[in-house]
Amino acid sequence: MRLTKHTDYAFRVLIYLASMPEDRISTVQEIAEKFDVSRSHIMKIVHKLAGAGLIHASRGQHGGIRLGQPKESIDLRSVIELMEATLAPVNCDDPVCIIKKNCALKNILFEGQRQFLEHVERYTLADLAEPTVSIVRLLNKSRRG
């Protein structure tokens, strides 16, 4: 299974926020610059993550974003399911495949996907942000060249 850039960037935003001190407010602009991704793309991702309660976003002069839940309670599967438009590994209906009724491929792929989702569900954002010191060091280095 290959995740979209949308999901990849959502994980980057979440890892960034999880690597910061809990009381620190970050901005969309700072995250966009750190990861060299367009601000508008990060805004769309932040809006979706905030709508799901994974992050807290506030507007205004002192606004910004931070995690909306403890990083230990955000499992990777929930992020993938939120961000991916579809998780169906194959589409047998558009156009309708003539071997659909006797084809084993769909069941095999759906079983593989089920196992993948069960596997990533065992991990949380805390697992991704575990080497916090290393991640922060890399993030601080990223724009210096």
N, C-alpha and C. Protein backbone atom coordinates (compact mmCIF):
# COMPACT_ATOMS: atom_id res chain seq x y z
N MET A 1 0.85 -1.17 0.00
CA MET A 1 0.00 0.00 0.00
C MET A 1 0.89 1.23 0.00
N ARG A 2 0.59 2.14 -0.89
CA ARG A 2 1.32 3.39 -0.93
C ARG A 2 0.42 4.53 -0.48
N LEU A 3 0.91 5.29 0.47
CA LEU A 3 0.14 6.41 1.00
C LEU A 3 0.33 7.64 0.11
N THR A 4 -0.68 8.48 0.06
CA THR A 4 -0.60 9.70 -0.74
C THR A 4 0.31 10.72 -0.04
N LYS A 5 0.73 11.72 -0.80
CA LYS A 5 1.52 12.82 -0.23
C LYS A 5 0.73 13.53 0.86
N HIS A 6 -0.57 13.58 0.69
CA HIS A 6 -1.45 14.22 1.68
C HIS A 6 -1.26 13.56 3.05
N THR A 7 -1.26 12.24 3.08
CA THR A 7 -1.07 11.49 4.33
C THR A 7 0.37 11.63 4.82
N ASP A 8 1.31 11.57 3.91
CA ASP A 8 2.72 11.74 4.26
C ASP A 8 2.93 13.09 4.96
N TYR A 9 2.39 14.15 4.39
CA TYR A 9 2.54 15.48 4.99
C TYR A 9 1.79 15.59 6.31
N ALA A 10 0.66 14.91 6.43
CA ALA A 10 -0.07 14.91 7.71
C ALA A 10 0.80 14.30 8.79
N PHE A 11 1.47 13.20 8.47
CA PHE A 11 2.37 12.60 9.45
C PHE A 11 3.52 13.54 9.80
N ARG A 12 4.04 14.25 8.81
CA ARG A 12 5.12 15.20 9.08
C ARG A 12 4.66 16.30 10.05
N VAL A 13 3.46 16.82 9.80
CA VAL A 13 2.91 17.86 10.70
C VAL A 13 2.77 17.30 12.11
N LEU A 14 2.20 16.11 12.22
CA LEU A 14 1.98 15.52 13.54
C LEU A 14 3.30 15.20 14.25
N ILE A 15 4.26 14.67 13.52
CA ILE A 15 5.57 14.37 14.12
C ILE A 15 6.23 15.66 14.60
N TYR A 16 6.14 16.69 13.78
CA TYR A 16 6.70 17.98 14.16
C TYR A 16 6.09 18.47 15.47
N LEU A 17 4.76 18.47 15.52
CA LEU A 17 4.07 18.95 16.72
C LEU A 17 4.37 18.08 17.93
N ALA A 18 4.46 16.77 17.72
CA ALA A 18 4.74 15.84 18.82
C ALA A 18 6.16 15.97 19.33
N SER A 19 7.04 16.50 18.51
CA SER A 19 8.45 16.65 18.89
C SER A 19 8.73 17.95 19.63
N MET A 20 7.76 18.84 19.63
CA MET A 20 7.91 20.12 20.30
C MET A 20 7.45 20.01 21.76
N PRO A 21 7.93 20.90 22.63
CA PRO A 21 7.41 20.92 24.00
C PRO A 21 5.89 21.11 23.97
N GLU A 22 5.20 20.48 24.91
CA GLU A 22 3.72 20.50 24.91
C GLU A 22 3.12 21.90 24.94
N ASP A 23 3.78 22.84 25.57
CA ASP A 23 3.22 24.19 25.68
C ASP A 23 3.59 25.08 24.49
N ARG A 24 4.36 24.56 23.55
CA ARG A 24 4.79 25.37 22.40
C ARG A 24 3.73 25.39 21.32
N ILE A 25 3.43 26.57 20.82
CA ILE A 25 2.51 26.76 19.70
C ILE A 25 3.35 26.91 18.44
N SER A 26 3.02 26.14 17.42
CA SER A 26 3.73 26.22 16.14
C SER A 26 2.83 26.91 15.12
N THR A 27 3.41 27.27 13.99
CA THR A 27 2.62 27.90 12.93
C THR A 27 2.68 27.06 11.66
N VAL A 28 1.68 27.25 10.83
CA VAL A 28 1.64 26.57 9.53
C VAL A 28 2.85 26.99 8.71
N GLN A 29 3.18 28.28 8.75
CA GLN A 29 4.31 28.80 7.98
C GLN A 29 5.62 28.12 8.39
N GLU A 30 5.83 27.99 9.68
CA GLU A 30 7.09 27.39 10.15
C GLU A 30 7.18 25.92 9.72
N ILE A 31 6.08 25.19 9.78
CA ILE A 31 6.09 23.79 9.36
C ILE A 31 6.29 23.68 7.85
N ALA A 32 5.62 24.53 7.10
CA ALA A 32 5.78 24.54 5.64
C ALA A 32 7.24 24.79 5.26
N GLU A 33 7.87 25.74 5.94
CA GLU A 33 9.27 26.04 5.65
C GLU A 33 10.19 24.89 6.05
N LYS A 34 9.96 24.29 7.21
CA LYS A 34 10.81 23.20 7.68
C LYS A 34 10.81 22.03 6.70
N PHE A 35 9.63 21.71 6.16
CA PHE A 35 9.51 20.55 5.28
C PHE A 35 9.51 20.91 3.80
N ASP A 36 9.68 22.21 3.51
CA ASP A 36 9.70 22.69 2.13
C ASP A 36 8.47 22.23 1.34
N VAL A 37 7.31 22.48 1.95
CA VAL A 37 6.02 22.15 1.36
C VAL A 37 5.22 23.44 1.31
N SER A 38 4.37 23.58 0.30
CA SER A 38 3.62 24.83 0.18
C SER A 38 2.73 25.07 1.40
N ARG A 39 2.64 26.34 1.77
CA ARG A 39 1.84 26.75 2.92
C ARG A 39 0.37 26.36 2.72
N SER A 40 -0.14 26.53 1.51
CA SER A 40 -1.55 26.21 1.26
C SER A 40 -1.82 24.71 1.42
N HIS A 41 -0.86 23.89 1.04
CA HIS A 41 -1.03 22.44 1.20
C HIS A 41 -1.05 22.08 2.69
N ILE A 42 -0.15 22.67 3.46
CA ILE A 42 -0.12 22.42 4.91
C ILE A 42 -1.41 22.94 5.55
N MET A 43 -1.93 24.07 5.08
CA MET A 43 -3.18 24.61 5.61
C MET A 43 -4.33 23.61 5.44
N LYS A 44 -4.43 22.99 4.27
CA LYS A 44 -5.49 22.01 4.02
C LYS A 44 -5.37 20.82 4.97
N ILE A 45 -4.15 20.38 5.19
CA ILE A 45 -3.90 19.25 6.07
C ILE A 45 -4.23 19.62 7.51
N VAL A 46 -3.80 20.78 7.94
CA VAL A 46 -4.07 21.26 9.30
C VAL A 46 -5.58 21.37 9.52
N HIS A 47 -6.29 21.87 8.53
CA HIS A 47 -7.75 22.00 8.64
C HIS A 47 -8.39 20.63 8.86
N LYS A 48 -7.95 19.64 8.13
CA LYS A 48 -8.52 18.29 8.26
C LYS A 48 -8.15 17.67 9.61
N LEU A 49 -6.90 17.82 10.02
CA LEU A 49 -6.45 17.28 11.31
C LEU A 49 -7.19 17.96 12.46
N ALA A 50 -7.39 19.27 12.35
CA ALA A 50 -8.11 20.01 13.39
C ALA A 50 -9.58 19.59 13.45
N GLY A 51 -10.18 19.38 12.29
CA GLY A 51 -11.57 18.94 12.25
C GLY A 51 -11.78 17.60 12.94
N ALA A 52 -10.75 16.76 12.91
CA ALA A 52 -10.83 15.45 13.56
C ALA A 52 -10.38 15.51 15.02
N GLY A 53 -9.95 16.68 15.48
CA GLY A 53 -9.53 16.83 16.86
C GLY A 53 -8.12 16.35 17.15
N LEU A 54 -7.37 16.00 16.10
CA LEU A 54 -5.99 15.54 16.32
C LEU A 54 -5.05 16.69 16.66
N ILE A 55 -5.39 17.86 16.15
CA ILE A 55 -4.62 19.05 16.52
C ILE A 55 -5.61 20.14 16.92
N HIS A 56 -5.09 21.11 17.63
CA HIS A 56 -5.87 22.28 18.02
C HIS A 56 -5.29 23.46 17.24
N ALA A 57 -6.14 24.17 16.54
CA ALA A 57 -5.70 25.33 15.76
C ALA A 57 -6.46 26.56 16.22
N SER A 58 -5.74 27.66 16.39
CA SER A 58 -6.38 28.92 16.74
C SER A 58 -5.84 30.02 15.84
N ARG A 59 -6.71 30.93 15.51
CA ARG A 59 -6.35 32.04 14.62
C ARG A 59 -5.95 33.27 15.43
N GLY A 60 -5.44 34.23 14.72
CA GLY A 60 -5.13 35.51 15.36
C GLY A 60 -3.65 35.69 15.60
N GLN A 61 -3.33 36.83 16.18
CA GLN A 61 -1.95 37.22 16.40
C GLN A 61 -1.18 36.21 17.26
N HIS A 62 -1.84 35.65 18.24
CA HIS A 62 -1.18 34.68 19.11
C HIS A 62 -1.65 33.26 18.82
N GLY A 63 -2.19 33.07 17.64
CA GLY A 63 -2.71 31.76 17.25
C GLY A 63 -1.61 30.83 16.78
N GLY A 64 -2.03 29.63 16.47
CA GLY A 64 -1.10 28.64 15.98
C GLY A 64 -1.70 27.26 16.13
N ILE A 65 -0.84 26.26 16.06
CA ILE A 65 -1.31 24.88 16.15
C ILE A 65 -0.47 24.09 17.15
N ARG A 66 -1.13 23.12 17.75
CA ARG A 66 -0.47 22.18 18.66
C ARG A 66 -1.29 20.91 18.65
N LEU A 67 -0.77 19.86 19.23
CA LEU A 67 -1.51 18.60 19.28
C LEU A 67 -2.81 18.81 20.04
N GLY A 68 -3.86 18.15 19.59
CA GLY A 68 -5.16 18.25 20.24
C GLY A 68 -5.41 17.09 21.18
N GLN A 69 -4.54 16.10 21.15
CA GLN A 69 -4.63 14.92 22.00
C GLN A 69 -3.22 14.51 22.41
N PRO A 70 -3.09 13.75 23.46
CA PRO A 70 -1.75 13.23 23.80
C PRO A 70 -1.22 12.38 22.65
N LYS A 71 0.06 12.51 22.37
CA LYS A 71 0.64 11.77 21.24
C LYS A 71 0.51 10.26 21.42
N GLU A 72 0.37 9.80 22.64
CA GLU A 72 0.21 8.37 22.91
C GLU A 72 -1.17 7.86 22.50
N SER A 73 -2.11 8.76 22.31
CA SER A 73 -3.48 8.33 21.98
C SER A 73 -3.80 8.45 20.49
N ILE A 74 -2.86 8.91 19.69
CA ILE A 74 -3.10 9.05 18.24
C ILE A 74 -2.45 7.87 17.54
N ASP A 75 -3.28 6.90 17.14
CA ASP A 75 -2.71 5.73 16.46
C ASP A 75 -2.56 6.01 14.96
N LEU A 76 -1.59 5.35 14.35
CA LEU A 76 -1.26 5.63 12.95
C LEU A 76 -2.40 5.25 12.01
N ARG A 77 -3.12 4.21 12.33
CA ARG A 77 -4.23 3.79 11.48
C ARG A 77 -5.28 4.90 11.37
N SER A 78 -5.60 5.53 12.48
CA SER A 78 -6.63 6.57 12.45
C SER A 78 -6.20 7.74 11.57
N VAL A 79 -4.92 8.05 11.56
CA VAL A 79 -4.42 9.13 10.71
C VAL A 79 -4.55 8.73 9.23
N ILE A 80 -4.16 7.51 8.93
CA ILE A 80 -4.25 7.02 7.55
C ILE A 80 -5.70 7.02 7.08
N GLU A 81 -6.59 6.49 7.90
CA GLU A 81 -8.00 6.43 7.52
C GLU A 81 -8.61 7.82 7.36
N LEU A 82 -8.15 8.77 8.15
CA LEU A 82 -8.64 10.14 8.02
C LEU A 82 -8.15 10.79 6.73
N MET A 83 -6.91 10.60 6.40
CA MET A 83 -6.30 11.36 5.32
C MET A 83 -6.47 10.74 3.93
N GLU A 84 -6.57 9.43 3.86
CA GLU A 84 -6.67 8.78 2.55
C GLU A 84 -8.10 8.88 2.02
N ALA A 85 -8.24 9.29 0.77
CA ALA A 85 -9.56 9.42 0.16
C ALA A 85 -10.23 8.05 0.02
N THR A 86 -9.45 7.06 -0.32
CA THR A 86 -9.96 5.70 -0.41
C THR A 86 -8.88 4.74 0.04
N LEU A 87 -9.29 3.70 0.67
CA LEU A 87 -8.33 2.67 1.08
C LEU A 87 -8.50 1.40 0.27
N ALA A 88 -9.43 1.41 -0.66
CA ALA A 88 -9.65 0.22 -1.49
C ALA A 88 -8.41 -0.03 -2.34
N PRO A 89 -7.79 -1.21 -2.20
CA PRO A 89 -6.56 -1.48 -2.95
C PRO A 89 -6.80 -1.73 -4.43
N VAL A 90 -8.03 -2.03 -4.81
CA VAL A 90 -8.35 -2.26 -6.22
C VAL A 90 -9.81 -1.90 -6.44
N ASN A 91 -10.11 -1.43 -7.63
CA ASN A 91 -11.48 -1.07 -7.97
C ASN A 91 -11.94 -1.97 -9.11
N CYS A 92 -12.82 -2.89 -8.80
CA CYS A 92 -13.32 -3.85 -9.79
C CYS A 92 -14.60 -3.38 -10.47
N ASP A 93 -15.10 -2.20 -10.07
CA ASP A 93 -16.41 -1.74 -10.52
C ASP A 93 -16.39 -0.59 -11.51
N ASP A 94 -15.28 0.10 -11.68
CA ASP A 94 -15.25 1.27 -12.57
C ASP A 94 -13.97 1.30 -13.37
N PRO A 95 -13.97 0.76 -14.56
CA PRO A 95 -15.05 0.03 -15.21
C PRO A 95 -15.19 -1.37 -14.62
N VAL A 96 -16.36 -1.94 -14.78
CA VAL A 96 -16.62 -3.28 -14.24
C VAL A 96 -15.68 -4.27 -14.92
N CYS A 97 -15.00 -5.04 -14.09
CA CYS A 97 -14.06 -6.05 -14.61
C CYS A 97 -14.84 -7.33 -14.94
N ILE A 98 -14.61 -7.87 -16.10
CA ILE A 98 -15.38 -9.04 -16.53
C ILE A 98 -15.03 -10.31 -15.77
N ILE A 99 -13.88 -10.35 -15.10
CA ILE A 99 -13.51 -11.55 -14.33
C ILE A 99 -13.77 -11.38 -12.83
N LYS A 100 -14.45 -10.32 -12.49
CA LYS A 100 -14.69 -9.95 -11.09
C LYS A 100 -15.23 -11.10 -10.24
N LYS A 101 -16.19 -11.86 -10.75
CA LYS A 101 -16.84 -12.91 -9.96
C LYS A 101 -15.92 -14.08 -9.64
N ASN A 102 -14.92 -14.31 -10.46
CA ASN A 102 -14.04 -15.46 -10.25
C ASN A 102 -12.59 -15.08 -9.94
N CYS A 103 -12.35 -13.82 -9.67
CA CYS A 103 -10.98 -13.35 -9.46
C CYS A 103 -10.63 -13.36 -7.97
N ALA A 104 -9.49 -13.92 -7.65
CA ALA A 104 -9.03 -13.99 -6.26
C ALA A 104 -8.21 -12.76 -5.86
N LEU A 105 -7.81 -11.96 -6.83
CA LEU A 105 -6.92 -10.83 -6.54
C LEU A 105 -7.52 -9.88 -5.52
N LYS A 106 -8.79 -9.53 -5.68
CA LYS A 106 -9.42 -8.57 -4.78
C LYS A 106 -9.34 -9.04 -3.32
N ASN A 107 -9.69 -10.29 -3.07
CA ASN A 107 -9.65 -10.82 -1.70
C ASN A 107 -8.24 -10.83 -1.14
N ILE A 108 -7.27 -11.18 -1.96
CA ILE A 108 -5.87 -11.21 -1.52
C ILE A 108 -5.42 -9.80 -1.14
N LEU A 109 -5.71 -8.83 -1.99
CA LEU A 109 -5.29 -7.45 -1.72
C LEU A 109 -6.00 -6.86 -0.50
N PHE A 110 -7.29 -7.14 -0.36
CA PHE A 110 -8.02 -6.63 0.81
C PHE A 110 -7.50 -7.27 2.10
N GLU A 111 -7.12 -8.55 2.05
CA GLU A 111 -6.54 -9.20 3.23
C GLU A 111 -5.20 -8.56 3.58
N GLY A 112 -4.38 -8.30 2.58
CA GLY A 112 -3.10 -7.63 2.82
C GLY A 112 -3.28 -6.25 3.42
N GLN A 113 -4.27 -5.55 2.91
CA GLN A 113 -4.56 -4.22 3.45
C GLN A 113 -5.03 -4.30 4.90
N ARG A 114 -5.90 -5.25 5.18
CA ARG A 114 -6.39 -5.44 6.55
C ARG A 114 -5.22 -5.69 7.50
N GLN A 115 -4.30 -6.55 7.09
CA GLN A 115 -3.14 -6.84 7.93
C GLN A 115 -2.25 -5.61 8.11
N PHE A 116 -2.08 -4.84 7.04
CA PHE A 116 -1.31 -3.60 7.11
C PHE A 116 -1.92 -2.64 8.12
N LEU A 117 -3.23 -2.42 8.02
CA LEU A 117 -3.91 -1.48 8.93
C LEU A 117 -3.88 -1.96 10.37
N GLU A 118 -4.03 -3.26 10.58
CA GLU A 118 -3.92 -3.81 11.94
C GLU A 118 -2.52 -3.61 12.49
N HIS A 119 -1.52 -3.75 11.62
CA HIS A 119 -0.13 -3.57 12.05
C HIS A 119 0.13 -2.11 12.47
N VAL A 120 -0.23 -1.15 11.63
CA VAL A 120 0.06 0.25 11.95
C VAL A 120 -0.78 0.75 13.12
N GLU A 121 -1.91 0.10 13.36
CA GLU A 121 -2.76 0.50 14.48
C GLU A 121 -2.08 0.26 15.83
N ARG A 122 -1.09 -0.61 15.86
CA ARG A 122 -0.37 -0.92 17.10
C ARG A 122 0.59 0.21 17.49
N TYR A 123 0.83 1.14 16.61
CA TYR A 123 1.79 2.22 16.85
C TYR A 123 1.06 3.55 16.99
N THR A 124 1.67 4.44 17.76
CA THR A 124 1.09 5.76 17.97
C THR A 124 2.06 6.84 17.53
N LEU A 125 1.57 8.05 17.55
CA LEU A 125 2.42 9.20 17.23
C LEU A 125 3.61 9.27 18.19
N ALA A 126 3.43 8.83 19.41
CA ALA A 126 4.54 8.81 20.37
C ALA A 126 5.69 7.93 19.87
N ASP A 127 5.36 6.83 19.19
CA ASP A 127 6.40 5.97 18.64
C ASP A 127 7.19 6.67 17.54
N LEU A 128 6.53 7.52 16.78
CA LEU A 128 7.20 8.25 15.69
C LEU A 128 8.05 9.40 16.22
N ALA A 129 7.63 9.97 17.32
CA ALA A 129 8.34 11.12 17.90
C ALA A 129 9.29 10.69 19.01
N GLU A 130 9.48 9.40 19.16
CA GLU A 130 10.32 8.85 20.24
C GLU A 130 11.73 9.45 20.26
N PRO A 131 12.42 9.46 19.14
CA PRO A 131 13.76 10.07 19.19
C PRO A 131 13.68 11.59 19.08
N THR A 132 12.96 12.22 20.02
CA THR A 132 12.66 13.65 19.96
C THR A 132 13.91 14.50 19.78
N VAL A 133 14.95 14.21 20.51
CA VAL A 133 16.16 15.03 20.42
C VAL A 133 16.72 14.97 19.01
N SER A 134 16.77 13.80 18.42
CA SER A 134 17.28 13.65 17.06
C SER A 134 16.40 14.36 16.05
N ILE A 135 15.09 14.24 16.20
CA ILE A 135 14.17 14.88 15.27
C ILE A 135 14.29 16.40 15.36
N VAL A 136 14.31 16.92 16.56
CA VAL A 136 14.43 18.37 16.74
C VAL A 136 15.76 18.86 16.16
N ARG A 137 16.81 18.12 16.38
CA ARG A 137 18.12 18.50 15.83
C ARG A 137 18.05 18.55 14.29
N LEU A 138 17.43 17.55 13.68
CA LEU A 138 17.30 17.54 12.22
C LEU A 138 16.43 18.69 11.73
N LEU A 139 15.34 18.95 12.43
CA LEU A 139 14.46 20.05 12.04
C LEU A 139 15.17 21.40 12.16
N ASN A 140 15.97 21.58 13.18
CA ASN A 140 16.72 22.83 13.34
C ASN A 140 17.79 22.98 12.28
N LYS A 141 18.35 21.88 11.83
CA LYS A 141 19.39 21.89 10.83
C LYS A 141 18.84 22.09 9.42
N SER A 142 17.61 21.70 9.20
CA SER A 142 17.04 21.61 7.85
C SER A 142 17.13 22.88 7.04
N ARG A 143 16.99 24.03 7.62
CA ARG A 143 16.98 25.27 6.84
C ARG A 143 18.33 26.00 6.87
N ARG A 144 19.32 25.41 7.54
CA ARG A 144 20.62 26.07 7.60
C ARG A 144 21.53 25.63 6.47
N GLY A 145 21.17 24.52 5.84
CA GLY A 145 21.97 24.08 4.71
C GLY A 145 22.82 22.97 5.12
